[in-house]
Amino acid sequence: EWCRREFQHILGDKVVKLTIPVYYSGSLRRLCIELFDSKIITYSSEKLGELLHEIARNTKTLTKPSVEEVLRLIFKTLLNNYHMELTEIDNTIENTIHKIMRGEASYKQIYKLYNKCSKTHRGVHGAIFGLELLENKYPDLRDLLNEAIMLENMYSTSIDRITQAFNLYYTVISEKTNRVVTKLTVISAIFLPLTLIAGIYGMNFKYMPELQHPLAYPLVLIIMAGIALGELLYFKKKKWI
């Protein structure tokens, strides 16, 4: 279904037809704008119906709305929406980075944020495309074009920050994995000589003089404990544990 809104009802010669991507309420949709000499028609899927209603309500505040004023209102509404989305995205990035450092963030959360920022960035680029086509005929839209370009740069910065969050996430995961591997390596290194001693005295040879000594068992236990303690002290000195 298509939602159609006419701001003026005076027919004229059609000037240009624009189709730009618009990010609104979590979706990337197409907004079509048909320009006449004294008339503007906008239409899109029903997902943008609320946005078009908002633009229509704002148009009623204009005393004698011209095509240029209505165009300015349309793009200003879009840019205001993108500014609010950017503020929300930046706050979410900060919270996500804190969660990553605490080990509470997941890959899906970061990817969802990246996907939202990328779609909104495409919407801003669509606004720039439309304003660039219109600025020659409507020079008063140039300030909105500059604002949109600045906004696009800010979104590019946010995308870079999300990419850095991805890298930080993988760094934290790698660090956790390295810690686990280090602990397992230390445990293996401690038990390796103990296993060697146990293996030697576990062999079924008939003549093993140490086995006949009355203090052989406690002495071997003391030696094994000393080896384990010495290794622990060495690893701690090297700051491996």
Protein backbone atom coordinates (compact mmCIF):
# COMPACT_ATOMS: atom_id res chain seq x y z
CA GLU A 1 0.00 0.00 0.00
CA TRP A 2 1.14 3.53 -0.71
CA CYS A 3 0.67 6.56 1.48
CA ARG A 4 0.12 9.74 -0.52
CA ARG A 5 0.17 13.33 0.77
CA GLU A 6 -0.44 16.50 -1.25
CA PHE A 7 0.59 19.81 0.30
CA GLN A 8 -1.05 22.01 -2.33
CA HIS A 9 -3.81 21.36 -4.80
CA ILE A 10 -2.80 23.73 -7.59
CA LEU A 11 -1.80 21.89 -10.74
CA GLY A 12 1.29 22.88 -12.64
CA ASP A 13 4.03 21.54 -14.88
CA LYS A 14 6.12 18.79 -13.34
CA VAL A 15 9.72 19.82 -12.73
CA VAL A 16 11.48 16.75 -11.33
CA LYS A 17 10.87 13.46 -9.57
CA LEU A 18 13.15 12.29 -6.75
CA THR A 19 13.41 8.91 -5.07
CA ILE A 20 15.65 8.88 -2.00
CA PRO A 21 16.28 6.31 0.75
CA VAL A 22 14.97 7.33 4.17
CA TYR A 23 15.73 5.66 7.49
CA TYR A 24 12.80 5.87 9.88
CA SER A 25 11.60 3.72 12.80
CA GLY A 26 14.23 1.06 12.26
CA SER A 27 13.66 0.61 8.52
CA LEU A 28 15.23 1.93 5.34
CA ARG A 29 12.46 2.95 2.92
CA ARG A 30 12.08 4.92 -0.30
CA LEU A 31 10.57 8.39 -0.32
CA CYS A 32 9.35 9.68 -3.67
CA ILE A 33 8.98 13.43 -4.24
CA GLU A 34 7.31 14.84 -7.34
CA LEU A 35 7.88 18.56 -7.92
CA PHE A 36 5.59 20.80 -9.92
CA ASP A 37 5.78 24.57 -10.39
CA SER A 38 3.42 25.14 -7.48
CA LYS A 39 2.80 21.70 -6.09
CA ILE A 40 4.65 18.91 -4.28
CA ILE A 41 3.52 15.31 -4.01
CA THR A 42 5.31 12.89 -1.70
CA TYR A 43 4.52 9.21 -1.36
CA SER A 44 6.10 6.13 0.09
CA SER A 45 5.29 2.82 1.74
CA GLU A 46 3.07 2.86 4.80
CA LYS A 47 6.18 2.55 7.00
CA LEU A 48 6.81 6.27 6.38
CA GLY A 49 3.19 7.25 6.90
CA GLU A 50 3.86 8.73 10.35
CA LEU A 51 6.77 10.77 9.01
CA LEU A 52 4.67 12.14 6.15
CA HIS A 53 1.89 13.01 8.60
CA GLU A 54 4.43 14.93 10.69
CA ILE A 55 5.62 16.86 7.63
CA ALA A 56 2.01 17.59 6.65
CA ARG A 57 1.25 18.93 10.15
CA ASN A 58 4.32 21.17 10.06
CA THR A 59 3.31 22.46 6.64
CA LYS A 60 0.10 23.84 8.10
CA THR A 61 2.17 26.25 10.19
CA LEU A 62 3.35 27.99 7.00
CA THR A 63 1.24 30.99 5.98
CA LYS A 64 1.70 30.70 2.22
CA PRO A 65 3.81 27.61 1.65
CA SER A 66 5.88 27.70 -1.51
CA VAL A 67 7.51 24.70 -3.14
CA GLU A 68 10.89 25.73 -1.75
CA GLU A 69 9.54 26.17 1.79
CA VAL A 70 7.86 22.77 1.71
CA LEU A 71 11.04 21.16 0.36
CA ARG A 72 13.00 22.82 3.12
CA LEU A 73 10.51 21.52 5.67
CA ILE A 74 10.74 17.97 4.29
CA PHE A 75 14.53 17.80 4.37
CA LYS A 76 14.75 19.64 7.70
CA THR A 77 12.42 17.04 9.24
CA LEU A 78 14.57 14.24 7.82
CA LEU A 79 17.79 15.80 9.12
CA ASN A 80 16.29 16.39 12.57
CA ASN A 81 15.33 12.73 12.67
CA TYR A 82 18.88 11.74 11.70
CA HIS A 83 20.32 14.02 14.40
CA MET A 84 18.20 12.26 17.04
CA GLU A 85 19.21 8.86 15.69
CA LEU A 86 22.89 9.88 15.83
CA THR A 87 22.58 10.96 19.46
CA GLU A 88 21.00 7.62 20.35
CA ILE A 89 23.65 5.71 18.39
CA ASP A 90 26.52 7.57 20.08
CA ASN A 91 25.07 6.88 23.53
CA THR A 92 24.64 3.22 22.63
CA ILE A 93 28.25 3.06 21.42
CA GLU A 94 29.50 4.39 24.76
CA ASN A 95 27.37 1.89 26.70
CA THR A 96 28.49 -0.94 24.42
CA ILE A 97 32.17 -0.11 24.95
CA HIS A 98 31.66 -0.19 28.73
CA LYS A 99 29.89 -3.55 28.39
CA ILE A 100 32.75 -4.89 26.28
CA MET A 101 35.27 -3.93 28.96
CA ARG A 102 33.11 -5.69 31.57
CA GLY A 103 32.74 -8.72 29.33
CA GLU A 104 28.96 -8.30 29.04
CA ALA A 105 28.62 -7.37 25.36
CA SER A 106 27.92 -9.86 22.58
CA TYR A 107 28.80 -9.90 18.90
CA LYS A 108 25.11 -9.64 17.94
CA GLN A 109 24.67 -6.42 19.94
CA ILE A 110 27.61 -4.75 18.19
CA TYR A 111 26.50 -5.97 14.76
CA LYS A 112 22.95 -4.72 15.37
CA LEU A 113 24.34 -1.29 16.25
CA TYR A 114 26.57 -1.32 13.16
CA ASN A 115 23.64 -2.29 10.95
CA LYS A 116 21.48 0.55 12.31
CA CYS A 117 24.25 3.12 11.89
CA SER A 118 24.99 1.96 8.32
CA LYS A 119 21.33 2.19 7.30
CA THR A 120 20.96 5.65 8.82
CA HIS A 121 24.17 6.71 7.07
CA ARG A 122 22.62 5.61 3.77
CA GLY A 123 19.57 7.71 4.60
CA VAL A 124 21.75 10.79 5.19
CA HIS A 125 23.53 10.12 1.91
CA GLY A 126 20.12 9.98 0.20
CA ALA A 127 19.25 13.40 1.65
CA ILE A 128 22.55 14.77 0.31
CA PHE A 129 21.77 13.32 -3.11
CA GLY A 130 18.35 15.00 -3.17
CA LEU A 131 19.65 18.35 -1.93
CA GLU A 132 22.47 18.37 -4.48
CA LEU A 133 19.93 17.92 -7.28
CA LEU A 134 17.71 20.69 -5.93
CA GLU A 135 20.20 23.34 -4.80
CA ASN A 136 20.68 24.85 -8.27
CA LYS A 137 16.96 25.60 -8.62
CA TYR A 138 16.43 26.30 -4.90
CA PRO A 139 19.63 27.96 -3.58
CA ASP A 140 18.14 28.48 -0.10
CA LEU A 141 18.54 24.72 0.44
CA ARG A 142 22.33 25.05 0.40
CA ASP A 143 22.57 25.41 4.19
CA LEU A 144 20.64 22.15 4.60
CA LEU A 145 23.05 20.51 2.15
CA ASN A 146 26.01 21.66 4.26
CA GLU A 147 24.27 20.37 7.39
CA ALA A 148 23.64 17.01 5.71
CA ILE A 149 27.30 16.73 4.64
CA MET A 150 28.42 17.51 8.19
CA LEU A 151 25.95 14.92 9.49
CA GLU A 152 27.29 12.33 7.04
CA ASN A 153 30.83 12.93 8.34
CA MET A 154 29.58 12.45 11.90
CA TYR A 155 27.94 9.16 10.93
CA SER A 156 31.19 8.06 9.27
CA THR A 157 32.95 8.77 12.57
CA SER A 158 30.34 6.73 14.45
CA ILE A 159 30.81 3.82 12.03
CA ASP A 160 34.57 4.00 12.67
CA ARG A 161 33.91 3.92 16.42
CA ILE A 162 31.72 0.84 16.02
CA THR A 163 34.49 -0.80 13.98
CA GLN A 164 36.87 -0.01 16.83
CA ALA A 165 34.33 -1.55 19.22
CA PHE A 166 34.45 -4.73 17.11
CA ASN A 167 38.25 -4.75 17.38
CA LEU A 168 38.07 -4.11 21.13
CA TYR A 169 35.58 -6.97 21.50
CA TYR A 170 37.89 -9.39 19.71
CA THR A 171 40.85 -8.13 21.76
CA VAL A 172 38.99 -8.76 25.02
CA ILE A 173 37.93 -12.23 23.83
CA SER A 174 41.51 -13.02 22.79
CA GLU A 175 42.82 -11.82 26.14
CA LYS A 176 40.37 -14.06 28.00
CA THR A 177 41.35 -17.00 25.81
CA ASN A 178 45.04 -16.31 26.42
CA ARG A 179 44.45 -16.25 30.17
CA VAL A 180 42.73 -19.63 30.06
CA VAL A 181 45.49 -21.09 27.86
CA THR A 182 48.15 -19.67 30.20
CA LYS A 183 46.51 -21.27 33.25
CA LEU A 184 46.22 -24.61 31.47
CA THR A 185 49.86 -24.38 30.39
CA VAL A 186 50.99 -23.62 33.95
CA ILE A 187 48.99 -26.56 35.31
CA SER A 188 50.47 -28.85 32.64
CA ALA A 189 54.00 -27.60 33.37
CA ILE A 190 53.54 -28.27 37.10
CA PHE A 191 52.26 -31.81 36.64
CA LEU A 192 54.73 -32.78 33.92
CA PRO A 193 57.73 -33.53 36.24
CA LEU A 194 55.39 -35.02 38.82
CA THR A 195 53.99 -37.34 36.18
CA LEU A 196 57.54 -38.27 35.18
CA ILE A 197 58.44 -39.24 38.76
CA ALA A 198 55.20 -41.18 39.19
CA GLY A 199 55.84 -42.94 35.89
CA ILE A 200 59.37 -43.97 36.86
CA TYR A 201 58.36 -45.44 40.20
CA GLY A 202 55.29 -47.01 38.70
CA MET A 203 57.38 -49.33 36.53
CA ASN A 204 57.28 -52.98 37.59
CA PHE A 205 61.01 -53.69 37.86
CA LYS A 206 62.06 -56.33 40.38
CA TYR A 207 65.12 -54.46 41.66
CA MET A 208 64.40 -50.84 42.64
CA PRO A 209 66.44 -50.06 45.80
CA GLU A 210 64.41 -46.94 46.67
CA LEU A 211 61.29 -49.01 47.13
CA GLN A 212 62.88 -50.89 50.03
CA HIS A 213 63.80 -47.76 51.97
CA PRO A 214 61.37 -47.04 54.85
CA LEU A 215 61.34 -43.29 54.12
CA ALA A 216 61.10 -43.61 50.33
CA TYR A 217 57.40 -42.78 50.09
CA PRO A 218 57.42 -39.58 52.22
CA LEU A 219 60.70 -38.45 50.61
CA VAL A 220 59.25 -38.77 47.12
CA LEU A 221 56.14 -36.86 48.20
CA ILE A 222 58.31 -34.10 49.68
CA ILE A 223 60.42 -33.91 46.51
CA MET A 224 57.29 -33.73 44.33
CA ALA A 225 55.79 -31.01 46.54
CA GLY A 226 59.06 -29.07 46.40
CA ILE A 227 59.16 -29.27 42.61
CA ALA A 228 55.55 -28.06 42.36
CA LEU A 229 56.16 -25.21 44.82
CA GLY A 230 59.36 -24.18 43.03
CA GLU A 231 57.56 -24.06 39.70
CA LEU A 232 54.75 -21.98 41.18
CA LEU A 233 57.23 -19.47 42.62
CA TYR A 234 59.08 -19.31 39.29
CA PHE A 235 55.89 -18.73 37.30
CA LYS A 236 54.77 -16.06 39.75
CA LYS A 237 58.13 -14.31 39.50
CA LYS A 238 57.77 -14.27 35.71
CA LYS A 239 54.21 -12.96 36.19
CA TRP A 240 52.74 -15.81 34.19
CA ILE A 241 50.16 -16.41 36.91
